[in-house]
Amino acid sequence: MTSQYILDAHFIVAALVIICALVFSWNTMGRRVMVAVTGLQFLIGIVVAGVFHPAGPLIWLHLSGALAAMIAYIFARRIGEQPGKGGLALALSLLGLVLALGTFSLGITLARGSM
């Protein structure tokens, strides 16, 4: 029963990640929000992986995609603070969005397979 609450929290924060990525990730302050939200989601995801014990390679791809999205936002935030690097920061934010969407899609696929 408790594990279902953890999984529900993971789904709710995943939706929050996607909404925040679409709305906030296009400026420096929004990228800070994205680093925090993706970091929280990654930590919850590690707990979910530990509770449900998925041994397949898809879970590692899912976790790697989430970590890559967070790293993209970290670099976008740092690069966006430098003068004249706004275009590169925007490209990294877009990469983070694509990675977040891909990871979300893979997570839905994993959830359907485990239910």
C-alpha atoms as a PDB file:
ATOM      1  CA  MET A   1       0.000   0.000   0.000  1.00  0.00           C
ATOM      2  CA  THR A   2       2.757   2.467   0.920  1.00  0.00           C
ATOM      3  CA  SER A   3       4.571   1.704  -2.322  1.00  0.00           C
ATOM      4  CA  GLN A   4       1.525   2.867  -4.271  1.00  0.00           C
ATOM      5  CA  TYR A   5       1.787   6.292  -2.587  1.00  0.00           C
ATOM      6  CA  ILE A   6       5.427   6.528  -3.644  1.00  0.00           C
ATOM      7  CA  LEU A   7       4.497   5.657  -7.218  1.00  0.00           C
ATOM      8  CA  ASP A   8       1.650   8.191  -7.167  1.00  0.00           C
ATOM      9  CA  ALA A   9       4.033  10.891  -5.924  1.00  0.00           C
ATOM     10  CA  HIS A  10       6.426   9.979  -8.739  1.00  0.00           C
ATOM     11  CA  PHE A  11       3.663  10.397 -11.339  1.00  0.00           C
ATOM     12  CA  ILE A  12       2.506  13.713  -9.849  1.00  0.00           C
ATOM     13  CA  VAL A  13       6.013  15.171  -9.771  1.00  0.00           C
ATOM     14  CA  ALA A  14       6.595  13.854 -13.325  1.00  0.00           C
ATOM     15  CA  ALA A  15       3.608  15.871 -14.508  1.00  0.00           C
ATOM     16  CA  LEU A  16       4.982  18.861 -12.606  1.00  0.00           C
ATOM     17  CA  VAL A  17       8.341  18.438 -14.364  1.00  0.00           C
ATOM     18  CA  ILE A  18       6.699  18.525 -17.784  1.00  0.00           C
ATOM     19  CA  ILE A  19       4.523  21.532 -16.935  1.00  0.00           C
ATOM     20  CA  CYS A  20       7.495  23.416 -15.482  1.00  0.00           C
ATOM     21  CA  ALA A  21       9.649  22.514 -18.488  1.00  0.00           C
ATOM     22  CA  LEU A  22       7.057  23.942 -20.849  1.00  0.00           C
ATOM     23  CA  VAL A  23       6.418  27.100 -18.815  1.00  0.00           C
ATOM     24  CA  PHE A  24       9.508  28.035 -16.834  1.00  0.00           C
ATOM     25  CA  SER A  25      12.644  26.684 -18.477  1.00  0.00           C
ATOM     26  CA  TRP A  26      13.230  29.533 -20.916  1.00  0.00           C
ATOM     27  CA  ASN A  27      15.029  31.960 -18.572  1.00  0.00           C
ATOM     28  CA  THR A  28      17.637  31.747 -15.825  1.00  0.00           C
ATOM     29  CA  MET A  29      15.213  31.726 -12.902  1.00  0.00           C
ATOM     30  CA  GLY A  30      13.046  29.119 -14.626  1.00  0.00           C
ATOM     31  CA  ARG A  31      16.093  26.936 -15.202  1.00  0.00           C
ATOM     32  CA  ARG A  32      16.784  27.078 -11.468  1.00  0.00           C
ATOM     33  CA  VAL A  33      13.257  25.831 -10.883  1.00  0.00           C
ATOM     34  CA  MET A  34      13.834  23.042 -13.391  1.00  0.00           C
ATOM     35  CA  VAL A  35      17.048  21.928 -11.695  1.00  0.00           C
ATOM     36  CA  ALA A  36      15.199  21.706  -8.374  1.00  0.00           C
ATOM     37  CA  VAL A  37      12.131  19.922  -9.766  1.00  0.00           C
ATOM     38  CA  THR A  38      14.111  17.442 -11.868  1.00  0.00           C
ATOM     39  CA  GLY A  39      16.415  16.771  -8.913  1.00  0.00           C
ATOM     40  CA  LEU A  40      13.423  16.028  -6.683  1.00  0.00           C
ATOM     41  CA  GLN A  41      11.934  13.784  -9.355  1.00  0.00           C
ATOM     42  CA  PHE A  42      15.232  11.939  -9.785  1.00  0.00           C
ATOM     43  CA  LEU A  43      15.424  11.242  -6.038  1.00  0.00           C
ATOM     44  CA  ILE A  44      11.830  10.006  -5.949  1.00  0.00           C
ATOM     45  CA  GLY A  45      12.611   7.865  -9.004  1.00  0.00           C
ATOM     46  CA  ILE A  46      15.501   6.193  -7.207  1.00  0.00           C
ATOM     47  CA  VAL A  47      13.138   5.336  -4.346  1.00  0.00           C
ATOM     48  CA  VAL A  48      10.560   3.985  -6.815  1.00  0.00           C
ATOM     49  CA  ALA A  49      13.239   1.869  -8.501  1.00  0.00           C
ATOM     50  CA  GLY A  50      14.306   0.527  -5.110  1.00  0.00           C
ATOM     51  CA  VAL A  51      10.766  -0.299  -4.005  1.00  0.00           C
ATOM     52  CA  PHE A  52       9.621  -1.945  -7.225  1.00  0.00           C
ATOM     53  CA  HIS A  53      12.970  -3.632  -8.004  1.00  0.00           C
ATOM     54  CA  PRO A  54      12.833  -3.292 -11.783  1.00  0.00           C
ATOM     55  CA  ALA A  55      15.874  -5.149 -13.081  1.00  0.00           C
ATOM     56  CA  GLY A  56      15.450  -4.446 -16.790  1.00  0.00           C
ATOM     57  CA  PRO A  57      17.589  -2.112 -18.857  1.00  0.00           C
ATOM     58  CA  LEU A  58      14.650   0.226 -19.482  1.00  0.00           C
ATOM     59  CA  ILE A  59      14.706   1.449 -15.885  1.00  0.00           C
ATOM     60  CA  TRP A  60      18.381   2.372 -16.282  1.00  0.00           C
ATOM     61  CA  LEU A  61      17.548   4.222 -19.503  1.00  0.00           C
ATOM     62  CA  HIS A  62      14.711   5.995 -17.660  1.00  0.00           C
ATOM     63  CA  LEU A  63      16.973   7.042 -14.783  1.00  0.00           C
ATOM     64  CA  SER A  64      19.746   8.086 -17.182  1.00  0.00           C
ATOM     65  CA  GLY A  65      17.322  10.202 -19.206  1.00  0.00           C
ATOM     66  CA  ALA A  66      16.129  11.972 -16.061  1.00  0.00           C
ATOM     67  CA  LEU A  67      19.692  12.615 -14.945  1.00  0.00           C
ATOM     68  CA  ALA A  68      20.627  13.870 -18.429  1.00  0.00           C
ATOM     69  CA  ALA A  69      17.662  16.281 -18.407  1.00  0.00           C
ATOM     70  CA  MET A  70      18.724  17.635 -15.028  1.00  0.00           C
ATOM     71  CA  ILE A  71      22.310  18.059 -16.247  1.00  0.00           C
ATOM     72  CA  ALA A  72      21.092  19.867 -19.371  1.00  0.00           C
ATOM     73  CA  TYR A  73      19.203  22.349 -17.175  1.00  0.00           C
ATOM     74  CA  ILE A  74      22.215  22.770 -14.881  1.00  0.00           C
ATOM     75  CA  PHE A  75      24.438  23.642 -17.828  1.00  0.00           C
ATOM     76  CA  ALA A  76      21.743  25.844 -19.398  1.00  0.00           C
ATOM     77  CA  ARG A  77      21.461  27.810 -16.167  1.00  0.00           C
ATOM     78  CA  ARG A  78      25.218  28.262 -15.808  1.00  0.00           C
ATOM     79  CA  ILE A  79      25.784  29.139 -19.464  1.00  0.00           C
ATOM     80  CA  GLY A  80      22.752  31.444 -19.518  1.00  0.00           C
ATOM     81  CA  GLU A  81      24.394  33.653 -16.900  1.00  0.00           C
ATOM     82  CA  GLN A  82      27.282  34.429 -19.273  1.00  0.00           C
ATOM     83  CA  PRO A  83      26.896  37.391 -21.640  1.00  0.00           C
ATOM     84  CA  GLY A  84      26.200  36.447 -25.248  1.00  0.00           C
ATOM     85  CA  LYS A  85      25.458  32.795 -24.492  1.00  0.00           C
ATOM     86  CA  GLY A  86      21.670  33.042 -24.433  1.00  0.00           C
ATOM     87  CA  GLY A  87      21.250  31.015 -27.608  1.00  0.00           C
ATOM     88  CA  LEU A  88      23.289  28.106 -26.286  1.00  0.00           C
ATOM     89  CA  ALA A  89      21.410  28.220 -22.977  1.00  0.00           C
ATOM     90  CA  LEU A  90      18.124  28.136 -24.869  1.00  0.00           C
ATOM     91  CA  ALA A  91      19.325  25.158 -26.924  1.00  0.00           C
ATOM     92  CA  LEU A  92      20.273  23.314 -23.737  1.00  0.00           C
ATOM     93  CA  SER A  93      16.868  24.129 -22.246  1.00  0.00           C
ATOM     94  CA  LEU A  94      15.237  22.689 -25.343  1.00  0.00           C
ATOM     95  CA  LEU A  95      17.415  19.580 -25.014  1.00  0.00           C
ATOM     96  CA  GLY A  96      16.303  19.308 -21.370  1.00  0.00           C
ATOM     97  CA  LEU A  97      12.670  19.546 -22.468  1.00  0.00           C
ATOM     98  CA  VAL A  98      13.129  16.825 -25.094  1.00  0.00           C
ATOM     99  CA  LEU A  99      14.897  14.587 -22.568  1.00  0.00           C
ATOM    100  CA  ALA A 100      12.166  15.215 -19.987  1.00  0.00           C
ATOM    101  CA  LEU A 101       9.432  14.353 -22.502  1.00  0.00           C
ATOM    102  CA  GLY A 102      11.272  11.214 -23.606  1.00  0.00           C
ATOM    103  CA  THR A 103      11.836  10.149 -20.025  1.00  0.00           C
ATOM    104  CA  PHE A 104       8.178  10.818 -19.193  1.00  0.00           C
ATOM    105  CA  SER A 105       7.079   8.714 -22.162  1.00  0.00           C
ATOM    106  CA  LEU A 106       9.393   5.886 -21.157  1.00  0.00           C
ATOM    107  CA  GLY A 107       8.084   6.100 -17.589  1.00  0.00           C
ATOM    108  CA  ILE A 108       4.510   5.707 -18.815  1.00  0.00           C
ATOM    109  CA  THR A 109       5.617   2.662 -20.824  1.00  0.00           C
ATOM    110  CA  LEU A 110       7.306   1.197 -17.752  1.00  0.00           C
ATOM    111  CA  ALA A 111       4.242   1.843 -15.588  1.00  0.00           C
ATOM    112  CA  ARG A 112       1.933   0.137 -18.055  1.00  0.00           C
ATOM    113  CA  GLY A 113       4.217  -2.886 -18.123  1.00  0.00           C
ATOM    114  CA  SER A 114       4.367  -3.166 -14.332  1.00  0.00           C
ATOM    115  CA  MET A 115       0.652  -2.714 -13.599  1.00  0.00           C
END
